[in-house]
PDB file of all heavy atoms in Angstrom:
ATOM      1  N   CYS A   1     111.748 103.646  75.214  1.00  0.00           N
ATOM      2  CA  CYS A   1     110.648 104.417  74.606  1.00  0.00           C
ATOM      3  C   CYS A   1     109.566 103.468  74.096  1.00  0.00           C
ATOM      4  O   CYS A   1     108.371 103.647  74.387  1.00  0.00           O
ATOM      5  CB  CYS A   1     111.188 105.272  73.460  1.00  0.00           C
ATOM      6  SG  CYS A   1     109.926 106.046  72.428  1.00  0.00           S
ATOM      7  N   ASN A   2     109.979 102.439  73.347  1.00  0.00           N
ATOM      8  CA  ASN A   2     109.003 101.492  72.793  1.00  0.00           C
ATOM      9  C   ASN A   2     108.263 100.747  73.897  1.00  0.00           C
ATOM     10  O   ASN A   2     107.059 100.502  73.799  1.00  0.00           O
ATOM     11  CB  ASN A   2     109.710 100.503  71.852  1.00  0.00           C
ATOM     12  CG  ASN A   2     110.154 101.170  70.561  1.00  0.00           C
ATOM     13  OD1 ASN A   2     109.550 102.143  70.121  1.00  0.00           O
ATOM     14  ND2 ASN A   2     111.215 100.660  69.956  1.00  0.00           N
ATOM     15  N   LEU A   3     108.992 100.395  74.956  1.00  0.00           N
ATOM     16  CA  LEU A   3     108.387  99.676  76.075  1.00  0.00           C
ATOM     17  C   LEU A   3     107.365 100.563  76.794  1.00  0.00           C
ATOM     18  O   LEU A   3     106.271 100.122  77.143  1.00  0.00           O
ATOM     19  CB  LEU A   3     109.480  99.228  77.047  1.00  0.00           C
ATOM     20  CG  LEU A   3     109.154  98.069  77.995  1.00  0.00           C
ATOM     21  CD1 LEU A   3     108.730  96.828  77.220  1.00  0.00           C
ATOM     22  CD2 LEU A   3     110.357  97.750  78.871  1.00  0.00           C
ATOM     23  N   TYR A   4     107.742 101.848  77.001  1.00  0.00           N
ATOM     24  CA  TYR A   4     106.828 102.790  77.659  1.00  0.00           C
ATOM     25  C   TYR A   4     105.550 102.956  76.841  1.00  0.00           C
ATOM     26  O   TYR A   4     104.439 102.921  77.386  1.00  0.00           O
ATOM     27  CB  TYR A   4     107.504 104.151  77.852  1.00  0.00           C
ATOM     28  CG  TYR A   4     106.530 105.210  78.327  1.00  0.00           C
ATOM     29  CD1 TYR A   4     106.198 105.322  79.671  1.00  0.00           C
ATOM     30  CD2 TYR A   4     105.917 106.087  77.422  1.00  0.00           C
ATOM     31  CE1 TYR A   4     105.273 106.269  80.106  1.00  0.00           C
ATOM     32  CE2 TYR A   4     105.003 107.025  77.839  1.00  0.00           C
ATOM     33  CZ  TYR A   4     104.685 107.124  79.181  1.00  0.00           C
ATOM     34  OH  TYR A   4     103.769 108.052  79.612  1.00  0.00           O
ATOM     35  N   ASN A   5     105.703 103.152  75.524  1.00  0.00           N
ATOM     36  CA  ASN A   5     104.530 103.389  74.676  1.00  0.00           C
ATOM     37  C   ASN A   5     103.654 102.143  74.557  1.00  0.00           C
ATOM     38  O   ASN A   5     102.433 102.241  74.387  1.00  0.00           O
ATOM     39  CB  ASN A   5     104.965 103.883  73.289  1.00  0.00           C
ATOM     40  CG  ASN A   5     105.398 105.343  73.322  1.00  0.00           C
ATOM     41  OD1 ASN A   5     104.821 106.149  74.047  1.00  0.00           O
ATOM     42  ND2 ASN A   5     106.416 105.693  72.556  1.00  0.00           N
ATOM     43  N   GLU A   6     104.275 100.975  74.693  1.00  0.00           N
ATOM     44  CA  GLU A   6     103.510  99.721  74.658  1.00  0.00           C
ATOM     45  C   GLU A   6     102.679  99.551  75.935  1.00  0.00           C
ATOM     46  O   GLU A   6     101.509  99.200  75.897  1.00  0.00           O
ATOM     47  CB  GLU A   6     104.506  98.552  74.519  1.00  0.00           C
ATOM     48  CG  GLU A   6     103.881  97.184  74.427  1.00  0.00           C
ATOM     49  CD  GLU A   6     104.949  96.092  74.498  1.00  0.00           C
ATOM     50  OE1 GLU A   6     106.005  96.225  73.833  1.00  0.00           O
ATOM     51  OE2 GLU A   6     104.744  95.132  75.250  1.00  0.00           O
ATOM     52  N   LYS A   7     103.309  99.872  77.080  1.00  0.00           N
ATOM     53  CA  LYS A   7     102.634  99.691  78.375  1.00  0.00           C
ATOM     54  C   LYS A   7     101.838 100.926  78.809  1.00  0.00           C
ATOM     55  O   LYS A   7     101.010 100.852  79.712  1.00  0.00           O
ATOM     56  CB  LYS A   7     103.677  99.367  79.461  1.00  0.00           C
ATOM     57  CG  LYS A   7     104.371  98.020  79.284  1.00  0.00           C
ATOM     58  CD  LYS A   7     105.417  97.814  80.371  1.00  0.00           C
ATOM     59  CE  LYS A   7     106.114  96.482  80.252  1.00  0.00           C
ATOM     60  NZ  LYS A   7     105.252  95.336  80.564  1.00  0.00           N
ATOM     61  N   GLN A   8     102.172 102.092  78.193  1.00  0.00           N
ATOM     62  CA  GLN A   8     101.552 103.364  78.593  1.00  0.00           C
ATOM     63  C   GLN A   8     101.839 103.722  80.048  1.00  0.00           C
ATOM     64  O   GLN A   8     101.050 104.380  80.718  1.00  0.00           O
ATOM     65  CB  GLN A   8     100.042 103.338  78.342  1.00  0.00           C
ATOM     66  CG  GLN A   8      99.670 103.389  76.860  1.00  0.00           C
ATOM     67  CD  GLN A   8     100.131 104.675  76.182  1.00  0.00           C
ATOM     68  OE1 GLN A   8      99.712 105.763  76.517  1.00  0.00           O
ATOM     69  NE2 GLN A   8     101.037 104.544  75.208  1.00  0.00           N
ATOM     70  N   SER A   9     102.991 103.251  80.537  1.00  0.00           N
ATOM     71  CA  SER A   9     103.452 103.618  81.882  1.00  0.00           C
ATOM     72  C   SER A   9     104.953 103.357  81.956  1.00  0.00           C
ATOM     73  O   SER A   9     105.496 102.591  81.150  1.00  0.00           O
ATOM     74  CB  SER A   9     102.731 102.804  82.960  1.00  0.00           C
ATOM     75  OG  SER A   9     103.070 101.443  82.862  1.00  0.00           O
ATOM     76  N   MET A  10     105.609 103.992  82.927  1.00  0.00           N
ATOM     77  CA  MET A  10     107.061 103.840  83.084  1.00  0.00           C
ATOM     78  C   MET A  10     107.357 102.572  83.893  1.00  0.00           C
ATOM     79  O   MET A  10     107.016 102.504  85.074  1.00  0.00           O
ATOM     80  CB  MET A  10     107.645 105.067  83.780  1.00  0.00           C
ATOM     81  CG  MET A  10     109.163 105.004  83.948  1.00  0.00           C
ATOM     82  SD  MET A  10     110.053 105.159  82.381  1.00  0.00           S
ATOM     83  CE  MET A  10     109.994 106.944  82.166  1.00  0.00           C
ATOM     84  N   PRO A  11     107.990 101.557  83.274  1.00  0.00           N
ATOM     85  CA  PRO A  11     108.343 100.343  84.019  1.00  0.00           C
ATOM     86  C   PRO A  11     109.262 100.664  85.201  1.00  0.00           C
ATOM     87  O   PRO A  11     110.145 101.520  85.087  1.00  0.00           O
ATOM     88  CB  PRO A  11     109.073  99.489  82.971  1.00  0.00           C
ATOM     89  CG  PRO A  11     108.573  99.995  81.650  1.00  0.00           C
ATOM     90  CD  PRO A  11     108.340 101.459  81.850  1.00  0.00           C
ATOM     91  N   LYS A  12     109.048 100.000  86.334  1.00  0.00           N
ATOM     92  CA  LYS A  12     109.803 100.285  87.557  1.00  0.00           C
ATOM     93  C   LYS A  12     111.295 100.055  87.385  1.00  0.00           C
ATOM     94  O   LYS A  12     112.116 100.784  87.940  1.00  0.00           O
ATOM     95  CB  LYS A  12     109.262  99.438  88.709  1.00  0.00           C
ATOM     96  CG  LYS A  12     107.912  99.914  89.218  1.00  0.00           C
ATOM     97  CD  LYS A  12     107.429  99.093  90.393  1.00  0.00           C
ATOM     98  CE  LYS A  12     106.074  99.614  90.885  1.00  0.00           C
ATOM     99  NZ  LYS A  12     105.530  98.806  91.978  1.00  0.00           N
ATOM    100  N   ASN A  13     111.680  99.014  86.603  1.00  0.00           N
ATOM    101  CA  ASN A  13     113.114  98.732  86.431  1.00  0.00           C
ATOM    102  C   ASN A  13     113.817  99.851  85.651  1.00  0.00           C
ATOM    103  O   ASN A  13     114.963 100.197  85.934  1.00  0.00           O
ATOM    104  CB  ASN A  13     113.325  97.382  85.740  1.00  0.00           C
ATOM    105  CG  ASN A  13     112.717  97.319  84.345  1.00  0.00           C
ATOM    106  OD1 ASN A  13     111.593  97.773  84.133  1.00  0.00           O
ATOM    107  ND2 ASN A  13     113.445  96.760  83.391  1.00  0.00           N
ATOM    108  N   ILE A  14     113.097 100.466  84.690  1.00  0.00           N
ATOM    109  CA  ILE A  14     113.697 101.570  83.923  1.00  0.00           C
ATOM    110  C   ILE A  14     113.809 102.812  84.806  1.00  0.00           C
ATOM    111  O   ILE A  14     114.833 103.505  84.798  1.00  0.00           O
ATOM    112  CB  ILE A  14     112.867 101.876  82.651  1.00  0.00           C
ATOM    113  CG1 ILE A  14     112.927 100.674  81.694  1.00  0.00           C
ATOM    114  CG2 ILE A  14     113.383 103.140  81.957  1.00  0.00           C
ATOM    115  CD1 ILE A  14     112.110 100.834  80.432  1.00  0.00           C
ATOM    116  N   GLN A  15     112.771 103.073  85.603  1.00  0.00           N
ATOM    117  CA  GLN A  15     112.822 104.213  86.522  1.00  0.00           C
ATOM    118  C   GLN A  15     113.975 104.062  87.506  1.00  0.00           C
ATOM    119  O   GLN A  15     114.671 105.037  87.805  1.00  0.00           O
ATOM    120  CB  GLN A  15     111.499 104.347  87.268  1.00  0.00           C
ATOM    121  CG  GLN A  15     111.434 105.579  88.160  1.00  0.00           C
ATOM    122  CD  GLN A  15     110.015 105.948  88.537  1.00  0.00           C
ATOM    123  OE1 GLN A  15     109.169 106.110  87.671  1.00  0.00           O
ATOM    124  NE2 GLN A  15     109.751 106.085  89.823  1.00  0.00           N
ATOM    125  N   LYS A  16     114.200 102.836  87.994  1.00  0.00           N
ATOM    126  CA  LYS A  16     115.311 102.590  88.925  1.00  0.00           C
ATOM    127  C   LYS A  16     116.653 102.871  88.238  1.00  0.00           C
ATOM    128  O   LYS A  16     117.550 103.488  88.822  1.00  0.00           O
ATOM    129  CB  LYS A  16     115.280 101.152  89.430  1.00  0.00           C
ATOM    130  CG  LYS A  16     116.389 100.859  90.468  1.00  0.00           C
ATOM    131  CD  LYS A  16     116.401  99.420  90.927  1.00  0.00           C
ATOM    132  CE  LYS A  16     117.490  99.185  91.966  1.00  0.00           C
ATOM    133  NZ  LYS A  16     118.854  99.534  91.504  1.00  0.00           N
ATOM    134  N   GLU A  17     116.796 102.425  86.969  1.00  0.00           N
ATOM    135  CA  GLU A  17     118.046 102.688  86.226  1.00  0.00           C
ATOM    136  C   GLU A  17     118.275 104.187  86.052  1.00  0.00           C
ATOM    137  O   GLU A  17     119.402 104.672  86.141  1.00  0.00           O
ATOM    138  CB  GLU A  17     117.988 102.024  84.844  1.00  0.00           C
ATOM    139  CG  GLU A  17     118.429 100.571  84.824  1.00  0.00           C
ATOM    140  CD  GLU A  17     118.690 100.086  83.409  1.00  0.00           C
ATOM    141  OE1 GLU A  17     119.624 100.606  82.753  1.00  0.00           O
ATOM    142  OE2 GLU A  17     117.957  99.191  82.953  1.00  0.00           O
ATOM    143  N   ILE A  18     117.199 104.928  85.771  1.00  0.00           N
ATOM    144  CA  ILE A  18     117.303 106.389  85.603  1.00  0.00           C
ATOM    145  C   ILE A  18     117.824 107.022  86.895  1.00  0.00           C
ATOM    146  O   ILE A  18     118.759 107.830  86.877  1.00  0.00           O
ATOM    147  CB  ILE A  18     115.934 106.997  85.217  1.00  0.00           C
ATOM    148  CG1 ILE A  18     115.557 106.585  83.792  1.00  0.00           C
ATOM    149  CG2 ILE A  18     115.965 108.524  85.334  1.00  0.00           C
ATOM    150  CD1 ILE A  18     114.112 106.881  83.414  1.00  0.00           C
ATOM    151  N   PHE A  19     117.237 106.634  88.028  1.00  0.00           N
ATOM    152  CA  PHE A  19     117.650 107.216  89.313  1.00  0.00           C
ATOM    153  C   PHE A  19     119.066 106.783  89.699  1.00  0.00           C
ATOM    154  O   PHE A  19     119.824 107.563  90.285  1.00  0.00           O
ATOM    155  CB  PHE A  19     116.648 106.849  90.416  1.00  0.00           C
ATOM    156  CG  PHE A  19     115.307 107.529  90.257  1.00  0.00           C
ATOM    157  CD1 PHE A  19     114.165 107.018  90.870  1.00  0.00           C
ATOM    158  CD2 PHE A  19     115.174 108.679  89.490  1.00  0.00           C
ATOM    159  CE1 PHE A  19     112.929 107.645  90.724  1.00  0.00           C
ATOM    160  CE2 PHE A  19     113.943 109.316  89.340  1.00  0.00           C
ATOM    161  CZ  PHE A  19     112.819 108.799  89.960  1.00  0.00           C
ATOM    162  N   ASP A  20     119.459 105.547  89.341  1.00  0.00           N
ATOM    163  CA  ASP A  20     120.844 105.093  89.594  1.00  0.00           C
ATOM    164  C   ASP A  20     121.833 105.947  88.813  1.00  0.00           C
ATOM    165  O   ASP A  20     122.869 106.370  89.340  1.00  0.00           O
ATOM    166  CB  ASP A  20     121.010 103.612  89.208  1.00  0.00           C
ATOM    167  CG  ASP A  20     120.334 102.667  90.196  1.00  0.00           C
ATOM    168  OD1 ASP A  20     119.981 103.132  91.306  1.00  0.00           O
ATOM    169  OD2 ASP A  20     120.164 101.479  89.860  1.00  0.00           O
ATOM    170  N   GLN A  21     121.515 106.209  87.530  1.00  0.00           N
ATOM    171  CA  GLN A  21     122.404 107.039  86.709  1.00  0.00           C
ATOM    172  C   GLN A  21     122.416 108.476  87.227  1.00  0.00           C
ATOM    173  O   GLN A  21     123.450 109.153  87.168  1.00  0.00           O
ATOM    174  CB  GLN A  21     121.950 107.022  85.243  1.00  0.00           C
ATOM    175  CG  GLN A  21     122.333 105.766  84.481  1.00  0.00           C
ATOM    176  CD  GLN A  21     123.818 105.705  84.151  1.00  0.00           C
ATOM    177  OE1 GLN A  21     124.584 106.616  84.452  1.00  0.00           O
ATOM    178  NE2 GLN A  21     124.233 104.605  83.523  1.00  0.00           N
ATOM    179  N   LEU A  22     121.285 108.933  87.738  1.00  0.00           N
ATOM    180  CA  LEU A  22     121.215 110.284  88.308  1.00  0.00           C
ATOM    181  C   LEU A  22     122.142 110.400  89.517  1.00  0.00           C
ATOM    182  O   LEU A  22     122.867 111.392  89.661  1.00  0.00           O
ATOM    183  CB  LEU A  22     119.776 110.598  88.702  1.00  0.00           C
ATOM    184  CG  LEU A  22     119.507 111.946  89.378  1.00  0.00           C
ATOM    185  CD1 LEU A  22     119.979 113.111  88.512  1.00  0.00           C
ATOM    186  CD2 LEU A  22     118.021 112.104  89.698  1.00  0.00           C
ATOM    187  N   HIS A  23     122.166 109.374  90.370  1.00  0.00           N
ATOM    188  CA  HIS A  23     123.054 109.389  91.545  1.00  0.00           C
ATOM    189  C   HIS A  23     124.525 109.363  91.114  1.00  0.00           C
ATOM    190  O   HIS A  23     125.372 110.017  91.730  1.00  0.00           O
ATOM    191  CB  HIS A  23     122.735 108.217  92.469  1.00  0.00           C
ATOM    192  CG  HIS A  23     121.367 108.293  93.078  1.00  0.00           C
ATOM    193  ND1 HIS A  23     120.808 109.491  93.504  1.00  0.00           N
ATOM    194  CD2 HIS A  23     120.416 107.343  93.313  1.00  0.00           C
ATOM    195  CE1 HIS A  23     119.587 109.271  93.978  1.00  0.00           C
ATOM    196  NE2 HIS A  23     119.319 107.972  93.864  1.00  0.00           N
ATOM    197  N   ASN A  24     124.837 108.621  90.042  1.00  0.00           N
ATOM    198  CA  ASN A  24     126.211 108.623  89.506  1.00  0.00           C
ATOM    199  C   ASN A  24     126.583 110.002  88.981  1.00  0.00           C
ATOM    200  O   ASN A  24     127.719 110.460  89.146  1.00  0.00           O
ATOM    201  CB  ASN A  24     126.350 107.595  88.370  1.00  0.00           C
ATOM    202  CG  ASN A  24     126.267 106.166  88.864  1.00  0.00           C
ATOM    203  OD1 ASN A  24     126.539 105.899  90.042  1.00  0.00           O
ATOM    204  ND2 ASN A  24     125.889 105.240  87.995  1.00  0.00           N
ATOM    205  N   LEU A  25     125.603 110.668  88.354  1.00  0.00           N
ATOM    206  CA  LEU A  25     125.829 112.018  87.836  1.00  0.00           C
ATOM    207  C   LEU A  25     126.084 112.992  88.987  1.00  0.00           C
ATOM    208  O   LEU A  25     126.941 113.880  88.889  1.00  0.00           O
ATOM    209  CB  LEU A  25     124.616 112.460  87.009  1.00  0.00           C
ATOM    210  CG  LEU A  25     124.686 113.816  86.306  1.00  0.00           C
ATOM    211  CD1 LEU A  25     125.868 113.884  85.348  1.00  0.00           C
ATOM    212  CD2 LEU A  25     123.385 114.100  85.554  1.00  0.00           C
ATOM    213  N   GLU A  26     125.372 112.821  90.087  1.00  0.00           N
ATOM    214  CA  GLU A  26     125.583 113.655  91.275  1.00  0.00           C
ATOM    215  C   GLU A  26     127.025 113.522  91.771  1.00  0.00           C
ATOM    216  O   GLU A  26     127.673 114.506  92.137  1.00  0.00           O
ATOM    217  CB  GLU A  26     124.606 113.256  92.382  1.00  0.00           C
ATOM    218  CG  GLU A  26     123.172 113.669  92.110  1.00  0.00           C
ATOM    219  CD  GLU A  26     122.202 113.171  93.168  1.00  0.00           C
ATOM    220  OE1 GLU A  26     122.459 112.098  93.763  1.00  0.00           O
ATOM    221  OE2 GLU A  26     121.176 113.825  93.390  1.00  0.00           O
ATOM    222  N   LYS A  27     127.540 112.288  91.782  1.00  0.00           N
ATOM    223  CA  LYS A  27     128.914 112.051  92.249  1.00  0.00           C
ATOM    224  C   LYS A  27     129.927 112.725  91.324  1.00  0.00           C
ATOM    225  O   LYS A  27     130.906 113.309  91.781  1.00  0.00           O
ATOM    226  CB  LYS A  27     129.204 110.545  92.310  1.00  0.00           C
ATOM    227  CG  LYS A  27     128.480 109.819  93.444  1.00  0.00           C
ATOM    228  CD  LYS A  27     128.704 108.316  93.334  1.00  0.00           C
ATOM    229  CE  LYS A  27     127.808 107.563  94.310  1.00  0.00           C
ATOM    230  NZ  LYS A  27     127.829 106.112  94.070  1.00  0.00           N
ATOM    231  N   ARG A  28     129.671 112.632  89.990  1.00  0.00           N
ATOM    232  CA  ARG A  28     130.622 113.206  89.023  1.00  0.00           C
ATOM    233  C   ARG A  28     130.636 114.732  89.074  1.00  0.00           C
ATOM    234  O   ARG A  28     131.655 115.357  88.813  1.00  0.00           O
ATOM    235  CB  ARG A  28     130.281 112.741  87.595  1.00  0.00           C
ATOM    236  CG  ARG A  28     130.636 111.312  87.306  1.00  0.00           C
ATOM    237  CD  ARG A  28     130.755 111.051  85.809  1.00  0.00           C
ATOM    238  NE  ARG A  28     129.528 111.297  85.084  1.00  0.00           N
ATOM    239  CZ  ARG A  28     128.531 110.426  84.962  1.00  0.00           C
ATOM    240  NH1 ARG A  28     128.623 109.242  85.536  1.00  0.00           N
ATOM    241  NH2 ARG A  28     127.455 110.724  84.270  1.00  0.00           N
ATOM    242  N   THR A  29     129.495 115.333  89.380  1.00  0.00           N
ATOM    243  CA  THR A  29     129.393 116.799  89.329  1.00  0.00           C
ATOM    244  C   THR A  29     129.541 117.461  90.699  1.00  0.00           C
ATOM    245  O   THR A  29     129.618 118.688  90.781  1.00  0.00           O
ATOM    246  CB  THR A  29     128.024 117.210  88.743  1.00  0.00           C
ATOM    247  OG1 THR A  29     126.982 116.654  89.551  1.00  0.00           O
ATOM    248  CG2 THR A  29     127.871 116.706  87.306  1.00  0.00           C
ATOM    249  N   ASN A  30     129.559 116.640  91.759  1.00  0.00           N
ATOM    250  CA  ASN A  30     129.593 117.167  93.139  1.00  0.00           C
ATOM    251  C   ASN A  30     128.397 118.078  93.423  1.00  0.00           C
ATOM    252  O   ASN A  30     128.498 119.043  94.183  1.00  0.00           O
ATOM    253  CB  ASN A  30     130.902 117.927  93.416  1.00  0.00           C
ATOM    254  CG  ASN A  30     132.086 116.984  93.445  1.00  0.00           C
ATOM    255  OD1 ASN A  30     131.998 115.888  94.005  1.00  0.00           O
ATOM    256  ND2 ASN A  30     133.176 117.393  92.820  1.00  0.00           N
ATOM    257  N   LYS A  31     127.284 117.800  92.767  1.00  0.00           N
ATOM    258  CA  LYS A  31     126.032 118.527  93.017  1.00  0.00           C
ATOM    259  C   LYS A  31     124.956 117.502  93.373  1.00  0.00           C
ATOM    260  O   LYS A  31     125.115 116.318  93.074  1.00  0.00           O
ATOM    261  CB  LYS A  31     125.590 119.302  91.767  1.00  0.00           C
ATOM    262  CG  LYS A  31     126.528 120.441  91.357  1.00  0.00           C
ATOM    263  CD  LYS A  31     126.114 121.004  90.007  1.00  0.00           C
ATOM    264  CE  LYS A  31     127.049 122.090  89.529  1.00  0.00           C
ATOM    265  NZ  LYS A  31     126.679 123.411  90.002  1.00  0.00           N
ATOM    266  N   LYS A  32     123.873 117.961  93.981  1.00  0.00           N
ATOM    267  CA  LYS A  32     122.805 117.028  94.363  1.00  0.00           C
ATOM    268  C   LYS A  32     121.460 117.514  93.832  1.00  0.00           C
ATOM    269  O   LYS A  32     121.102 118.676  94.007  1.00  0.00           O
ATOM    270  CB  LYS A  32     122.765 116.869  95.882  1.00  0.00           C
ATOM    271  CG  LYS A  32     121.878 115.715  96.344  1.00  0.00           C
ATOM    272  CD  LYS A  32     122.191 115.327  97.772  1.00  0.00           C
ATOM    273  CE  LYS A  32     121.206 114.291  98.301  1.00  0.00           C
ATOM    274  NZ  LYS A  32     121.120 113.082  97.475  1.00  0.00           N
ATOM    275  N   PHE A  33     120.723 116.617  93.189  1.00  0.00           N
ATOM    276  CA  PHE A  33     119.420 116.922  92.604  1.00  0.00           C
ATOM    277  C   PHE A  33     118.444 117.274  93.725  1.00  0.00           C
ATOM    278  O   PHE A  33     118.240 116.508  94.661  1.00  0.00           O
ATOM    279  CB  PHE A  33     118.936 115.697  91.829  1.00  0.00           C
ATOM    280  CG  PHE A  33     117.796 115.953  90.887  1.00  0.00           C
ATOM    281  CD1 PHE A  33     117.836 116.991  89.960  1.00  0.00           C
ATOM    282  CD2 PHE A  33     116.676 115.133  90.887  1.00  0.00           C
ATOM    283  CE1 PHE A  33     116.802 117.216  89.085  1.00  0.00           C
ATOM    284  CE2 PHE A  33     115.623 115.341  90.012  1.00  0.00           C
ATOM    285  CZ  PHE A  33     115.688 116.388  89.105  1.00  0.00           C
ATOM    286  N   GLY A  34     117.864 118.476  93.649  1.00  0.00           N
ATOM    287  CA  GLY A  34     116.905 118.915  94.654  1.00  0.00           C
ATOM    288  C   GLY A  34     117.530 119.517  95.900  1.00  0.00           C
ATOM    289  O   GLY A  34     116.816 119.946  96.814  1.00  0.00           O
ATOM    290  N   ASP A  35     118.867 119.585  95.947  1.00  0.00           N
ATOM    291  CA  ASP A  35     119.550 120.124  97.126  1.00  0.00           C
ATOM    292  C   ASP A  35     119.370 121.647  97.179  1.00  0.00           C
ATOM    293  O   ASP A  35     119.318 122.312  96.145  1.00  0.00           O
ATOM    294  CB  ASP A  35     121.044 119.775  97.054  1.00  0.00           C
ATOM    295  CG  ASP A  35     121.776 120.123  98.334  1.00  0.00           C
ATOM    296  OD1 ASP A  35     121.412 119.583  99.386  1.00  0.00           O
ATOM    297  OD2 ASP A  35     122.717 120.945  98.272  1.00  0.00           O
ATOM    298  N   LEU A  36     119.303 122.188  98.389  1.00  0.00           N
ATOM    299  CA  LEU A  36     119.096 123.629  98.536  1.00  0.00           C
ATOM    300  C   LEU A  36     120.391 124.416  98.389  1.00  0.00           C
ATOM    301  O   LEU A  36     120.394 125.543  97.902  1.00  0.00           O
ATOM    302  CB  LEU A  36     118.455 123.935  99.892  1.00  0.00           C
ATOM    303  CG  LEU A  36     117.065 123.338 100.146  1.00  0.00           C
ATOM    304  CD1 LEU A  36     116.521 123.808 101.486  1.00  0.00           C
ATOM    305  CD2 LEU A  36     116.095 123.709  99.023  1.00  0.00           C
ATOM    306  N   LYS A  37     121.513 123.822  98.803  1.00  0.00           N
ATOM    307  CA  LYS A  37     122.783 124.559  98.806  1.00  0.00           C
ATOM    308  C   LYS A  37     123.553 124.431  97.488  1.00  0.00           C
ATOM    309  O   LYS A  37     124.155 125.393  97.021  1.00  0.00           O
ATOM    310  CB  LYS A  37     123.663 124.072  99.965  1.00  0.00           C
ATOM    311  CG  LYS A  37     123.100 124.446 101.337  1.00  0.00           C
ATOM    312  CD  LYS A  37     124.003 123.961 102.454  1.00  0.00           C
ATOM    313  CE  LYS A  37     123.408 124.318 103.825  1.00  0.00           C
ATOM    314  NZ  LYS A  37     124.206 123.758 104.936  1.00  0.00           N
ATOM    315  N   ASN A  38     123.561 123.237  96.902  1.00  0.00           N
ATOM    316  CA  ASN A  38     124.333 123.024  95.679  1.00  0.00           C
ATOM    317  C   ASN A  38     123.525 122.161  94.709  1.00  0.00           C
ATOM    318  O   ASN A  38     123.856 120.997  94.459  1.00  0.00           O
ATOM    319  CB  ASN A  38     125.670 122.349  96.025  1.00  0.00           C
ATOM    320  CG  ASN A  38     126.627 122.345  94.855  1.00  0.00           C
ATOM    321  OD1 ASN A  38     126.507 123.146  93.927  1.00  0.00           O
ATOM    322  ND2 ASN A  38     127.564 121.413  94.872  1.00  0.00           N
ATOM    323  N   PRO A  39     122.441 122.726  94.146  1.00  0.00           N
ATOM    324  CA  PRO A  39     121.515 121.898  93.356  1.00  0.00           C
ATOM    325  C   PRO A  39     122.058 121.509  91.981  1.00  0.00           C
ATOM    326  O   PRO A  39     122.716 122.312  91.317  1.00  0.00           O
ATOM    327  CB  PRO A  39     120.289 122.798  93.220  1.00  0.00           C
ATOM    328  CG  PRO A  39     120.826 124.188  93.299  1.00  0.00           C
ATOM    329  CD  PRO A  39     121.996 124.124  94.235  1.00  0.00           C
ATOM    330  N   LEU A  40     121.784 120.268  91.592  1.00  0.00           N
ATOM    331  CA  LEU A  40     122.047 119.805  90.231  1.00  0.00           C
ATOM    332  C   LEU A  40     120.776 120.049  89.430  1.00  0.00           C
ATOM    333  O   LEU A  40     119.709 119.549  89.773  1.00  0.00           O
ATOM    334  CB  LEU A  40     122.386 118.309  90.245  1.00  0.00           C
ATOM    335  CG  LEU A  40     122.458 117.606  88.878  1.00  0.00           C
ATOM    336  CD1 LEU A  40     123.619 118.157  88.043  1.00  0.00           C
ATOM    337  CD2 LEU A  40     122.601 116.097  89.058  1.00  0.00           C
ATOM    338  N   LEU A  41     120.869 120.847  88.379  1.00  0.00           N
ATOM    339  CA  LEU A  41     119.725 121.079  87.495  1.00  0.00           C
ATOM    340  C   LEU A  41     119.966 120.367  86.169  1.00  0.00           C
ATOM    341  O   LEU A  41     121.113 120.214  85.732  1.00  0.00           O
ATOM    342  CB  LEU A  41     119.513 122.575  87.261  1.00  0.00           C
ATOM    343  CG  LEU A  41     119.265 123.428  88.516  1.00  0.00           C
ATOM    344  CD1 LEU A  41     118.980 124.873  88.127  1.00  0.00           C
ATOM    345  CD2 LEU A  41     118.131 122.873  89.360  1.00  0.00           C
ATOM    346  N   LEU A  42     118.889 119.934  85.532  1.00  0.00           N
ATOM    347  CA  LEU A  42     119.007 119.068  84.358  1.00  0.00           C
ATOM    348  C   LEU A  42     118.238 119.626  83.163  1.00  0.00           C
ATOM    349  O   LEU A  42     117.268 120.373  83.320  1.00  0.00           O
ATOM    350  CB  LEU A  42     118.458 117.675  84.681  1.00  0.00           C
ATOM    351  CG  LEU A  42     119.106 116.926  85.849  1.00  0.00           C
ATOM    352  CD1 LEU A  42     118.302 115.674  86.183  1.00  0.00           C
ATOM    353  CD2 LEU A  42     120.549 116.578  85.549  1.00  0.00           C
ATOM    354  N   SER A  43     118.670 119.210  81.977  1.00  0.00           N
ATOM    355  CA  SER A  43     117.891 119.437  80.759  1.00  0.00           C
ATOM    356  C   SER A  43     117.458 118.078  80.228  1.00  0.00           C
ATOM    357  O   SER A  43     118.148 117.081  80.437  1.00  0.00           O
ATOM    358  CB  SER A  43     118.727 120.168  79.703  1.00  0.00           C
ATOM    359  OG  SER A  43     119.784 119.339  79.251  1.00  0.00           O
ATOM    360  N   VAL A  44     116.323 118.045  79.546  1.00  0.00           N
ATOM    361  CA  VAL A  44     115.835 116.815  78.913  1.00  0.00           C
ATOM    362  C   VAL A  44     115.541 117.123  77.450  1.00  0.00           C
ATOM    363  O   VAL A  44     114.837 118.080  77.136  1.00  0.00           O
ATOM    364  CB  VAL A  44     114.573 116.286  79.632  1.00  0.00           C
ATOM    365  CG1 VAL A  44     113.852 115.257  78.775  1.00  0.00           C
ATOM    366  CG2 VAL A  44     114.939 115.662  80.972  1.00  0.00           C
ATOM    367  N   ARG A  45     116.120 116.278  76.559  1.00  0.00           N
ATOM    368  CA  ARG A  45     115.943 116.478  75.116  1.00  0.00           C
ATOM    369  C   ARG A  45     115.583 115.159  74.450  1.00  0.00           C
ATOM    370  O   ARG A  45     116.035 114.098  74.870  1.00  0.00           O
ATOM    371  CB  ARG A  45     117.236 117.012  74.476  1.00  0.00           C
ATOM    372  CG  ARG A  45     117.645 118.406  74.915  1.00  0.00           C
ATOM    373  CD  ARG A  45     118.988 118.792  74.298  1.00  0.00           C
ATOM    374  NE  ARG A  45     119.302 120.188  74.512  1.00  0.00           N
ATOM    375  CZ  ARG A  45     119.929 120.669  75.586  1.00  0.00           C
ATOM    376  NH1 ARG A  45     120.305 119.841  76.546  1.00  0.00           N
ATOM    377  NH2 ARG A  45     120.182 121.955  75.700  1.00  0.00           N
TER     378      ARG A  45
END
């Protein structure tokens, strides 16, 4: 958060970590983000 607010943009390494964790979440839930047949939907807080 502090890094984003300092740069006023999302650093590429943080975005990559987010997507890596998202893929791990897909494996744990057996759902796929954006998939038409078995979509993984998310909340952000």
